[in-house]
Amino acid sequence: MTDPVPTDTDQPGTDNAVAPAGDFHWRAIWWGFGASAAITLIVGVPLMIVTDSIWWLAWVAVVGLFIGGALAARMARTSEPLNGAMIALLFFGVVAVGYLVGQAVEILPDPLPGLAPDNSTFFFVWPLTQIIAGPLGSYIGGLGLRTDGREETTG
Protein backbone atom coordinates (compact mmCIF):
# COMPACT_ATOMS: atom_id res chain seq x y z
CA MET A 1 0.00 0.00 0.00
CA THR A 2 1.34 3.42 -0.87
CA ASP A 3 1.36 6.43 1.40
CA PRO A 4 -1.33 9.00 0.72
CA VAL A 5 -0.34 12.22 -0.94
CA PRO A 6 0.40 14.93 1.64
CA THR A 7 -2.36 17.47 2.05
CA ASP A 8 -2.06 21.18 2.72
CA THR A 9 -2.31 20.46 6.45
CA ASP A 10 0.91 18.43 6.29
CA GLN A 11 2.94 21.26 4.79
CA PRO A 12 5.49 23.30 6.76
CA GLY A 13 4.00 26.38 8.36
CA THR A 14 0.72 24.73 9.30
CA ASP A 15 -0.31 23.50 12.74
CA ASN A 16 -0.20 19.88 11.58
CA ALA A 17 3.29 20.07 10.12
CA VAL A 18 5.92 17.67 11.42
CA ALA A 19 8.82 19.36 13.21
CA PRO A 20 12.09 18.93 11.32
CA ALA A 21 14.51 16.52 13.01
CA GLY A 22 16.54 18.26 15.72
CA ASP A 23 14.30 21.34 15.91
CA PHE A 24 12.10 22.23 18.84
CA HIS A 25 8.37 22.11 18.24
CA TRP A 26 7.40 25.04 20.45
CA ARG A 27 3.65 24.65 20.20
CA ALA A 28 3.91 21.05 21.40
CA ILE A 29 6.37 22.05 24.14
CA TRP A 30 4.00 24.69 25.53
CA TRP A 31 1.07 22.25 25.45
CA GLY A 32 3.20 19.62 27.20
CA PHE A 33 4.30 22.18 29.80
CA GLY A 34 0.69 23.25 30.35
CA ALA A 35 -0.43 19.64 30.79
CA SER A 36 2.40 19.00 33.25
CA ALA A 37 1.55 22.08 35.29
CA ALA A 38 -2.17 21.32 35.26
CA ILE A 39 -1.64 17.73 36.43
CA THR A 40 0.68 18.96 39.18
CA LEU A 41 -1.74 21.62 40.39
CA ILE A 42 -4.94 19.57 40.12
CA VAL A 43 -3.64 16.29 41.55
CA GLY A 44 -0.36 17.06 43.34
CA VAL A 45 -1.29 20.07 45.44
CA PRO A 46 -4.35 18.41 47.05
CA LEU A 47 -2.29 15.27 47.75
CA MET A 48 0.41 17.39 49.34
CA ILE A 49 -2.14 19.16 51.53
CA VAL A 50 -3.89 15.95 52.59
CA THR A 51 -0.70 13.97 53.30
CA ASP A 52 1.33 16.94 54.56
CA SER A 53 4.29 15.83 52.46
CA ILE A 54 5.98 17.65 49.58
CA TRP A 55 7.06 14.27 48.15
CA TRP A 56 3.53 13.58 46.84
CA LEU A 57 3.57 16.85 44.94
CA ALA A 58 7.00 15.98 43.56
CA TRP A 59 6.04 12.50 42.35
CA VAL A 60 2.81 13.71 40.77
CA ALA A 61 4.85 16.40 39.01
CA VAL A 62 7.20 13.74 37.64
CA VAL A 63 4.24 11.76 36.29
CA GLY A 64 2.85 15.00 34.88
CA LEU A 65 6.14 15.72 33.13
CA PHE A 66 6.14 12.24 31.63
CA ILE A 67 2.59 12.75 30.33
CA GLY A 68 3.45 16.25 29.10
CA GLY A 69 6.46 14.88 27.23
CA ALA A 70 4.32 12.15 25.64
CA LEU A 71 1.70 14.74 24.65
CA ALA A 72 4.37 16.92 23.07
CA ALA A 73 5.74 13.97 21.11
CA ARG A 74 2.30 13.13 19.74
CA MET A 75 1.61 16.76 18.84
CA ALA A 76 5.01 17.23 17.20
CA ARG A 77 4.70 13.79 15.59
CA THR A 78 8.24 12.96 16.52
CA SER A 79 10.05 10.97 19.17
CA GLU A 80 12.46 13.83 19.88
CA PRO A 81 13.61 13.82 23.54
CA LEU A 82 14.76 17.45 23.26
CA ASN A 83 11.11 18.56 23.34
CA GLY A 84 10.63 16.71 26.65
CA ALA A 85 13.90 18.11 27.98
CA MET A 86 12.71 21.64 27.19
CA ILE A 87 9.43 20.96 29.02
CA ALA A 88 11.39 19.72 32.06
CA LEU A 89 13.67 22.78 31.90
CA LEU A 90 10.74 25.19 31.76
CA PHE A 91 8.94 23.33 34.54
CA PHE A 92 12.02 23.32 36.76
CA GLY A 93 12.59 27.02 36.09
CA VAL A 94 9.05 27.95 37.10
CA VAL A 95 9.23 25.81 40.24
CA ALA A 96 12.68 27.15 41.20
CA VAL A 97 11.60 30.78 40.78
CA GLY A 98 8.39 30.09 42.71
CA TYR A 99 10.34 28.44 45.52
CA LEU A 100 12.91 31.26 45.72
CA VAL A 101 10.21 33.94 45.72
CA GLY A 102 8.23 31.97 48.32
CA GLN A 103 11.29 31.78 50.56
CA ALA A 104 12.15 35.45 50.02
CA VAL A 105 8.70 36.67 51.07
CA GLU A 106 8.58 34.03 53.79
CA ILE A 107 5.29 32.39 52.81
CA LEU A 108 6.73 28.87 52.52
CA PRO A 109 7.28 26.83 55.67
CA ASP A 110 10.84 25.87 56.53
CA PRO A 111 11.37 22.98 56.21
CA LEU A 112 8.83 22.07 53.55
CA PRO A 113 6.13 19.61 54.72
CA GLY A 114 7.47 16.06 54.89
CA LEU A 115 11.14 17.05 54.93
CA ALA A 116 13.45 16.84 57.90
CA PRO A 117 15.39 19.99 58.85
CA ASP A 118 18.63 20.35 56.85
CA ASN A 119 17.59 17.55 54.47
CA SER A 120 18.77 18.39 50.98
CA THR A 121 17.90 15.02 49.41
CA PHE A 122 14.66 16.41 47.99
CA PHE A 123 16.44 19.26 46.21
CA PHE A 124 18.85 16.79 44.59
CA VAL A 125 16.52 13.90 43.72
CA TRP A 126 13.50 15.77 42.39
CA PRO A 127 15.32 17.80 39.70
CA LEU A 128 17.05 14.63 38.50
CA THR A 129 13.72 12.84 38.14
CA GLN A 130 12.37 15.83 36.22
CA ILE A 131 15.31 15.70 33.84
CA ILE A 132 14.57 12.02 33.21
CA ALA A 133 10.75 12.17 33.05
CA GLY A 134 10.33 14.83 30.35
CA PRO A 135 12.64 13.36 27.70
CA LEU A 136 11.58 9.79 28.51
CA GLY A 137 7.91 10.72 28.10
CA SER A 138 8.71 12.48 24.84
CA TYR A 139 10.65 9.48 23.53
CA ILE A 140 8.04 6.89 24.54
CA GLY A 141 5.16 9.10 23.39
CA GLY A 142 6.70 9.28 19.94
CA LEU A 143 7.25 5.56 19.52
CA GLY A 144 5.23 4.12 16.70
CA LEU A 145 5.52 7.28 14.65
CA ARG A 146 7.44 7.06 11.42
CA THR A 147 9.93 9.73 10.49
CA ASP A 148 7.35 11.42 8.23
CA GLY A 149 5.04 11.86 11.23
CA ARG A 150 2.37 9.34 10.27
CA GLU A 151 1.59 6.46 12.59
CA GLU A 152 2.92 3.06 11.62
CA THR A 153 0.31 0.52 10.64
CA THR A 154 0.64 -3.22 10.68
CA GLY A 155 -0.84 -5.61 8.19
C-alpha atoms as a PDB file:
ATOM      1  CA  MET A   1       0.000   0.000   0.000  1.00  0.00           C
ATOM      2  CA  THR A   2       1.344   3.421  -0.870  1.00  0.00           C
ATOM      3  CA  ASP A   3       1.362   6.433   1.404  1.00  0.00           C
ATOM      4  CA  PRO A   4      -1.332   8.996   0.723  1.00  0.00           C
ATOM      5  CA  VAL A   5      -0.343  12.224  -0.945  1.00  0.00           C
ATOM      6  CA  PRO A   6       0.403  14.926   1.643  1.00  0.00           C
ATOM      7  CA  THR A   7      -2.365  17.473   2.055  1.00  0.00           C
ATOM      8  CA  ASP A   8      -2.064  21.184   2.724  1.00  0.00           C
ATOM      9  CA  THR A   9      -2.306  20.463   6.448  1.00  0.00           C
ATOM     10  CA  ASP A  10       0.910  18.428   6.285  1.00  0.00           C
ATOM     11  CA  GLN A  11       2.942  21.257   4.787  1.00  0.00           C
ATOM     12  CA  PRO A  12       5.490  23.300   6.756  1.00  0.00           C
ATOM     13  CA  GLY A  13       4.005  26.381   8.358  1.00  0.00           C
ATOM     14  CA  THR A  14       0.722  24.727   9.303  1.00  0.00           C
ATOM     15  CA  ASP A  15      -0.306  23.503  12.737  1.00  0.00           C
ATOM     16  CA  ASN A  16      -0.199  19.884  11.579  1.00  0.00           C
ATOM     17  CA  ALA A  17       3.295  20.072  10.125  1.00  0.00           C
ATOM     18  CA  VAL A  18       5.916  17.675  11.419  1.00  0.00           C
ATOM     19  CA  ALA A  19       8.824  19.356  13.211  1.00  0.00           C
ATOM     20  CA  PRO A  20      12.092  18.925  11.321  1.00  0.00           C
ATOM     21  CA  ALA A  21      14.513  16.520  13.012  1.00  0.00           C
ATOM     22  CA  GLY A  22      16.536  18.264  15.719  1.00  0.00           C
ATOM     23  CA  ASP A  23      14.298  21.339  15.909  1.00  0.00           C
ATOM     24  CA  PHE A  24      12.103  22.231  18.837  1.00  0.00           C
ATOM     25  CA  HIS A  25       8.375  22.106  18.242  1.00  0.00           C
ATOM     26  CA  TRP A  26       7.402  25.036  20.454  1.00  0.00           C
ATOM     27  CA  ARG A  27       3.647  24.648  20.197  1.00  0.00           C
ATOM     28  CA  ALA A  28       3.909  21.046  21.398  1.00  0.00           C
ATOM     29  CA  ILE A  29       6.366  22.055  24.138  1.00  0.00           C
ATOM     30  CA  TRP A  30       4.001  24.689  25.530  1.00  0.00           C
ATOM     31  CA  TRP A  31       1.069  22.247  25.448  1.00  0.00           C
ATOM     32  CA  GLY A  32       3.202  19.623  27.199  1.00  0.00           C
ATOM     33  CA  PHE A  33       4.296  22.176  29.795  1.00  0.00           C
ATOM     34  CA  GLY A  34       0.689  23.245  30.355  1.00  0.00           C
ATOM     35  CA  ALA A  35      -0.433  19.643  30.790  1.00  0.00           C
ATOM     36  CA  SER A  36       2.401  19.000  33.254  1.00  0.00           C
ATOM     37  CA  ALA A  37       1.555  22.082  35.286  1.00  0.00           C
ATOM     38  CA  ALA A  38      -2.173  21.317  35.258  1.00  0.00           C
ATOM     39  CA  ILE A  39      -1.640  17.732  36.434  1.00  0.00           C
ATOM     40  CA  THR A  40       0.678  18.958  39.178  1.00  0.00           C
ATOM     41  CA  LEU A  41      -1.739  21.615  40.390  1.00  0.00           C
ATOM     42  CA  ILE A  42      -4.942  19.575  40.118  1.00  0.00           C
ATOM     43  CA  VAL A  43      -3.637  16.286  41.547  1.00  0.00           C
ATOM     44  CA  GLY A  44      -0.355  17.060  43.342  1.00  0.00           C
ATOM     45  CA  VAL A  45      -1.292  20.069  45.437  1.00  0.00           C
ATOM     46  CA  PRO A  46      -4.353  18.414  47.046  1.00  0.00           C
ATOM     47  CA  LEU A  47      -2.293  15.272  47.746  1.00  0.00           C
ATOM     48  CA  MET A  48       0.412  17.391  49.340  1.00  0.00           C
ATOM     49  CA  ILE A  49      -2.139  19.160  51.529  1.00  0.00           C
ATOM     50  CA  VAL A  50      -3.894  15.950  52.592  1.00  0.00           C
ATOM     51  CA  THR A  51      -0.704  13.973  53.297  1.00  0.00           C
ATOM     52  CA  ASP A  52       1.325  16.943  54.562  1.00  0.00           C
ATOM     53  CA  SER A  53       4.295  15.829  52.457  1.00  0.00           C
ATOM     54  CA  ILE A  54       5.982  17.645  49.582  1.00  0.00           C
ATOM     55  CA  TRP A  55       7.060  14.267  48.152  1.00  0.00           C
ATOM     56  CA  TRP A  56       3.531  13.584  46.842  1.00  0.00           C
ATOM     57  CA  LEU A  57       3.572  16.849  44.944  1.00  0.00           C
ATOM     58  CA  ALA A  58       7.002  15.985  43.563  1.00  0.00           C
ATOM     59  CA  TRP A  59       6.043  12.504  42.346  1.00  0.00           C
ATOM     60  CA  VAL A  60       2.814  13.711  40.767  1.00  0.00           C
ATOM     61  CA  ALA A  61       4.850  16.404  39.007  1.00  0.00           C
ATOM     62  CA  VAL A  62       7.203  13.741  37.639  1.00  0.00           C
ATOM     63  CA  VAL A  63       4.237  11.760  36.292  1.00  0.00           C
ATOM     64  CA  GLY A  64       2.847  15.005  34.877  1.00  0.00           C
ATOM     65  CA  LEU A  65       6.141  15.722  33.133  1.00  0.00           C
ATOM     66  CA  PHE A  66       6.140  12.236  31.625  1.00  0.00           C
ATOM     67  CA  ILE A  67       2.591  12.751  30.335  1.00  0.00           C
ATOM     68  CA  GLY A  68       3.455  16.250  29.098  1.00  0.00           C
ATOM     69  CA  GLY A  69       6.460  14.876  27.227  1.00  0.00           C
ATOM     70  CA  ALA A  70       4.321  12.154  25.639  1.00  0.00           C
ATOM     71  CA  LEU A  71       1.699  14.736  24.647  1.00  0.00           C
ATOM     72  CA  ALA A  72       4.373  16.925  23.072  1.00  0.00           C
ATOM     73  CA  ALA A  73       5.743  13.969  21.112  1.00  0.00           C
ATOM     74  CA  ARG A  74       2.297  13.126  19.740  1.00  0.00           C
ATOM     75  CA  MET A  75       1.610  16.760  18.837  1.00  0.00           C
ATOM     76  CA  ALA A  76       5.010  17.226  17.204  1.00  0.00           C
ATOM     77  CA  ARG A  77       4.698  13.793  15.588  1.00  0.00           C
ATOM     78  CA  THR A  78       8.241  12.957  16.519  1.00  0.00           C
ATOM     79  CA  SER A  79      10.047  10.968  19.173  1.00  0.00           C
ATOM     80  CA  GLU A  80      12.459  13.831  19.883  1.00  0.00           C
ATOM     81  CA  PRO A  81      13.609  13.819  23.539  1.00  0.00           C
ATOM     82  CA  LEU A  82      14.755  17.451  23.263  1.00  0.00           C
ATOM     83  CA  ASN A  83      11.112  18.562  23.342  1.00  0.00           C
ATOM     84  CA  GLY A  84      10.627  16.712  26.649  1.00  0.00           C
ATOM     85  CA  ALA A  85      13.898  18.111  27.977  1.00  0.00           C
ATOM     86  CA  MET A  86      12.707  21.635  27.192  1.00  0.00           C
ATOM     87  CA  ILE A  87       9.430  20.958  29.025  1.00  0.00           C
ATOM     88  CA  ALA A  88      11.394  19.721  32.056  1.00  0.00           C
ATOM     89  CA  LEU A  89      13.668  22.776  31.904  1.00  0.00           C
ATOM     90  CA  LEU A  90      10.737  25.195  31.763  1.00  0.00           C
ATOM     91  CA  PHE A  91       8.940  23.330  34.541  1.00  0.00           C
ATOM     92  CA  PHE A  92      12.017  23.322  36.761  1.00  0.00           C
ATOM     93  CA  GLY A  93      12.591  27.022  36.090  1.00  0.00           C
ATOM     94  CA  VAL A  94       9.054  27.954  37.103  1.00  0.00           C
ATOM     95  CA  VAL A  95       9.234  25.809  40.240  1.00  0.00           C
ATOM     96  CA  ALA A  96      12.679  27.155  41.205  1.00  0.00           C
ATOM     97  CA  VAL A  97      11.598  30.781  40.779  1.00  0.00           C
ATOM     98  CA  GLY A  98       8.386  30.087  42.714  1.00  0.00           C
ATOM     99  CA  TYR A  99      10.341  28.443  45.516  1.00  0.00           C
ATOM    100  CA  LEU A 100      12.909  31.262  45.720  1.00  0.00           C
ATOM    101  CA  VAL A 101      10.207  33.938  45.719  1.00  0.00           C
ATOM    102  CA  GLY A 102       8.227  31.974  48.323  1.00  0.00           C
ATOM    103  CA  GLN A 103      11.295  31.777  50.555  1.00  0.00           C
ATOM    104  CA  ALA A 104      12.145  35.450  50.017  1.00  0.00           C
ATOM    105  CA  VAL A 105       8.702  36.672  51.065  1.00  0.00           C
ATOM    106  CA  GLU A 106       8.579  34.026  53.794  1.00  0.00           C
ATOM    107  CA  ILE A 107       5.287  32.389  52.807  1.00  0.00           C
ATOM    108  CA  LEU A 108       6.735  28.870  52.517  1.00  0.00           C
ATOM    109  CA  PRO A 109       7.280  26.831  55.674  1.00  0.00           C
ATOM    110  CA  ASP A 110      10.843  25.872  56.531  1.00  0.00           C
ATOM    111  CA  PRO A 111      11.375  22.982  56.206  1.00  0.00           C
ATOM    112  CA  LEU A 112       8.830  22.067  53.554  1.00  0.00           C
ATOM    113  CA  PRO A 113       6.128  19.611  54.723  1.00  0.00           C
ATOM    114  CA  GLY A 114       7.472  16.060  54.890  1.00  0.00           C
ATOM    115  CA  LEU A 115      11.145  17.053  54.931  1.00  0.00           C
ATOM    116  CA  ALA A 116      13.453  16.841  57.897  1.00  0.00           C
ATOM    117  CA  PRO A 117      15.390  19.993  58.847  1.00  0.00           C
ATOM    118  CA  ASP A 118      18.634  20.350  56.853  1.00  0.00           C
ATOM    119  CA  ASN A 119      17.591  17.546  54.470  1.00  0.00           C
ATOM    120  CA  SER A 120      18.773  18.391  50.976  1.00  0.00           C
ATOM    121  CA  THR A 121      17.896  15.021  49.408  1.00  0.00           C
ATOM    122  CA  PHE A 122      14.657  16.407  47.991  1.00  0.00           C
ATOM    123  CA  PHE A 123      16.440  19.261  46.206  1.00  0.00           C
ATOM    124  CA  PHE A 124      18.852  16.792  44.593  1.00  0.00           C
ATOM    125  CA  VAL A 125      16.523  13.902  43.720  1.00  0.00           C
ATOM    126  CA  TRP A 126      13.502  15.771  42.393  1.00  0.00           C
ATOM    127  CA  PRO A 127      15.319  17.796  39.699  1.00  0.00           C
ATOM    128  CA  LEU A 128      17.047  14.626  38.500  1.00  0.00           C
ATOM    129  CA  THR A 129      13.724  12.839  38.144  1.00  0.00           C
ATOM    130  CA  GLN A 130      12.368  15.828  36.220  1.00  0.00           C
ATOM    131  CA  ILE A 131      15.314  15.702  33.836  1.00  0.00           C
ATOM    132  CA  ILE A 132      14.570  12.015  33.211  1.00  0.00           C
ATOM    133  CA  ALA A 133      10.746  12.168  33.050  1.00  0.00           C
ATOM    134  CA  GLY A 134      10.332  14.833  30.354  1.00  0.00           C
ATOM    135  CA  PRO A 135      12.641  13.358  27.702  1.00  0.00           C
ATOM    136  CA  LEU A 136      11.577   9.788  28.510  1.00  0.00           C
ATOM    137  CA  GLY A 137       7.910  10.725  28.096  1.00  0.00           C
ATOM    138  CA  SER A 138       8.712  12.476  24.839  1.00  0.00           C
ATOM    139  CA  TYR A 139      10.645   9.485  23.531  1.00  0.00           C
ATOM    140  CA  ILE A 140       8.038   6.890  24.540  1.00  0.00           C
ATOM    141  CA  GLY A 141       5.158   9.099  23.392  1.00  0.00           C
ATOM    142  CA  GLY A 142       6.698   9.284  19.939  1.00  0.00           C
ATOM    143  CA  LEU A 143       7.252   5.565  19.524  1.00  0.00           C
ATOM    144  CA  GLY A 144       5.226   4.116  16.704  1.00  0.00           C
ATOM    145  CA  LEU A 145       5.521   7.281  14.648  1.00  0.00           C
ATOM    146  CA  ARG A 146       7.441   7.060  11.416  1.00  0.00           C
ATOM    147  CA  THR A 147       9.931   9.733  10.489  1.00  0.00           C
ATOM    148  CA  ASP A 148       7.348  11.420   8.234  1.00  0.00           C
ATOM    149  CA  GLY A 149       5.039  11.858  11.226  1.00  0.00           C
ATOM    150  CA  ARG A 150       2.368   9.338  10.269  1.00  0.00           C
ATOM    151  CA  GLU A 151       1.592   6.460  12.586  1.00  0.00           C
ATOM    152  CA  GLU A 152       2.924   3.056  11.622  1.00  0.00           C
ATOM    153  CA  THR A 153       0.315   0.519  10.638  1.00  0.00           C
ATOM    154  CA  THR A 154       0.639  -3.220  10.678  1.00  0.00           C
ATOM    155  CA  GLY A 155      -0.840  -5.610   8.190  1.00  0.00           C
END
